[in-house]
Amino acid sequence: MYVRRMPLSYKKRQRKLTFDALMLSLSQAFARLPDHRRGNASYPLADVLRGALAMFSPEVALAPLLA
C-alpha cells in the first residue's frame, strides 16, 4: 500500500500550531478591527470578540478547565 507523506513544511507548520498561537493570532486580528461603537463602550472590542469566541466555542471555553 502506498502511504502519502506530508511535506516537511506542513509538518513544521503543524508543530507551531498550538492553542496559544491560535489565541495570539486571533487576539492580534481582533485588535486590528475598527471599533464603530459609541464612545461609551465599557469593554474594548477585542475583549468582546474573545468573549464571543469562548461562548460559541465550548471546547475553547472549557479547555482550561479540562487541562
C-alpha atoms as a PDB file:
ATOM      1  CA  MET A   1       0.000   0.000   0.000  1.00  0.00           C
ATOM      2  CA  TYR A   2       1.230   3.477  -0.875  1.00  0.00           C
ATOM      3  CA  VAL A   3       1.336   5.955   2.014  1.00  0.00           C
ATOM      4  CA  ARG A   4       1.475   9.595   1.063  1.00  0.00           C
ATOM      5  CA  ARG A   5       3.831  11.580   3.275  1.00  0.00           C
ATOM      6  CA  MET A   6       3.179  15.144   4.334  1.00  0.00           C
ATOM      7  CA  PRO A   7       5.584  17.754   3.015  1.00  0.00           C
ATOM      8  CA  LEU A   8       8.190  18.877   5.529  1.00  0.00           C
ATOM      9  CA  SER A   9       6.898  22.459   5.501  1.00  0.00           C
ATOM     10  CA  TYR A  10       3.456  21.216   6.544  1.00  0.00           C
ATOM     11  CA  LYS A  11       4.950  19.272   9.430  1.00  0.00           C
ATOM     12  CA  LYS A  12       6.839  22.360  10.607  1.00  0.00           C
ATOM     13  CA  ARG A  13       3.670  24.466  10.481  1.00  0.00           C
ATOM     14  CA  GLN A  14       1.726  21.762  12.279  1.00  0.00           C
ATOM     15  CA  ARG A  15       4.223  21.745  15.167  1.00  0.00           C
ATOM     16  CA  LYS A  16       3.807  25.516  15.546  1.00  0.00           C
ATOM     17  CA  LEU A  17       0.013  25.248  15.587  1.00  0.00           C
ATOM     18  CA  THR A  18      -0.887  25.378  19.254  1.00  0.00           C
ATOM     19  CA  PHE A  19      -3.834  26.759  21.174  1.00  0.00           C
ATOM     20  CA  ASP A  20      -1.690  29.622  22.489  1.00  0.00           C
ATOM     21  CA  ALA A  21      -0.525  30.504  18.980  1.00  0.00           C
ATOM     22  CA  LEU A  22      -4.113  30.409  17.713  1.00  0.00           C
ATOM     23  CA  MET A  23      -5.329  32.696  20.505  1.00  0.00           C
ATOM     24  CA  LEU A  24      -2.447  35.109  19.935  1.00  0.00           C
ATOM     25  CA  SER A  25      -3.216  35.250  16.229  1.00  0.00           C
ATOM     26  CA  LEU A  26      -6.922  35.831  16.872  1.00  0.00           C
ATOM     27  CA  SER A  27      -6.213  38.479  19.509  1.00  0.00           C
ATOM     28  CA  GLN A  28      -3.982  40.369  17.092  1.00  0.00           C
ATOM     29  CA  ALA A  29      -6.619  40.153  14.365  1.00  0.00           C
ATOM     30  CA  PHE A  30      -9.359  41.305  16.755  1.00  0.00           C
ATOM     31  CA  ALA A  31      -7.203  44.258  17.874  1.00  0.00           C
ATOM     32  CA  ARG A  32      -6.862  45.453  14.256  1.00  0.00           C
ATOM     33  CA  LEU A  33     -10.621  45.641  13.706  1.00  0.00           C
ATOM     34  CA  PRO A  34     -12.059  49.152  13.812  1.00  0.00           C
ATOM     35  CA  ASP A  35     -14.465  49.814  16.677  1.00  0.00           C
ATOM     36  CA  HIS A  36     -17.533  51.654  15.376  1.00  0.00           C
ATOM     37  CA  ARG A  37     -19.439  51.570  18.657  1.00  0.00           C
ATOM     38  CA  ARG A  38     -20.325  54.699  20.590  1.00  0.00           C
ATOM     39  CA  GLY A  39     -17.688  56.231  22.815  1.00  0.00           C
ATOM     40  CA  ASN A  40     -19.323  54.932  25.987  1.00  0.00           C
ATOM     41  CA  ALA A  41     -18.430  51.284  25.365  1.00  0.00           C
ATOM     42  CA  SER A  42     -17.277  49.692  28.625  1.00  0.00           C
ATOM     43  CA  TYR A  43     -15.053  46.989  27.127  1.00  0.00           C
ATOM     44  CA  PRO A  44     -12.571  47.035  24.257  1.00  0.00           C
ATOM     45  CA  LEU A  45     -13.915  45.390  21.100  1.00  0.00           C
ATOM     46  CA  ALA A  46     -11.127  42.786  21.127  1.00  0.00           C
ATOM     47  CA  ASP A  47     -12.220  41.626  24.598  1.00  0.00           C
ATOM     48  CA  VAL A  48     -15.849  41.384  23.489  1.00  0.00           C
ATOM     49  CA  LEU A  49     -14.871  39.299  20.455  1.00  0.00           C
ATOM     50  CA  ARG A  50     -12.712  36.953  22.535  1.00  0.00           C
ATOM     51  CA  GLY A  51     -15.640  36.504  24.910  1.00  0.00           C
ATOM     52  CA  ALA A  52     -17.949  35.704  21.998  1.00  0.00           C
ATOM     53  CA  LEU A  53     -15.452  33.177  20.692  1.00  0.00           C
ATOM     54  CA  ALA A  54     -15.331  31.482  24.091  1.00  0.00           C
ATOM     55  CA  MET A  55     -19.108  31.482  24.405  1.00  0.00           C
ATOM     56  CA  PHE A  56     -19.754  29.934  20.994  1.00  0.00           C
ATOM     57  CA  SER A  57     -16.818  27.522  21.052  1.00  0.00           C
ATOM     58  CA  PRO A  58     -17.399  25.232  24.043  1.00  0.00           C
ATOM     59  CA  GLU A  59     -14.179  23.295  23.552  1.00  0.00           C
ATOM     60  CA  VAL A  60     -12.215  26.563  23.600  1.00  0.00           C
ATOM     61  CA  ALA A  61     -14.054  27.852  26.656  1.00  0.00           C
ATOM     62  CA  LEU A  62     -13.674  24.612  28.597  1.00  0.00           C
ATOM     63  CA  ALA A  63     -10.073  23.840  27.603  1.00  0.00           C
ATOM     64  CA  PRO A  64      -8.507  25.468  30.711  1.00  0.00           C
ATOM     65  CA  LEU A  65     -10.912  23.582  32.964  1.00  0.00           C
ATOM     66  CA  LEU A  66     -10.199  20.216  31.358  1.00  0.00           C
ATOM     67  CA  ALA A  67      -6.397  20.521  31.491  1.00  0.00           C
END
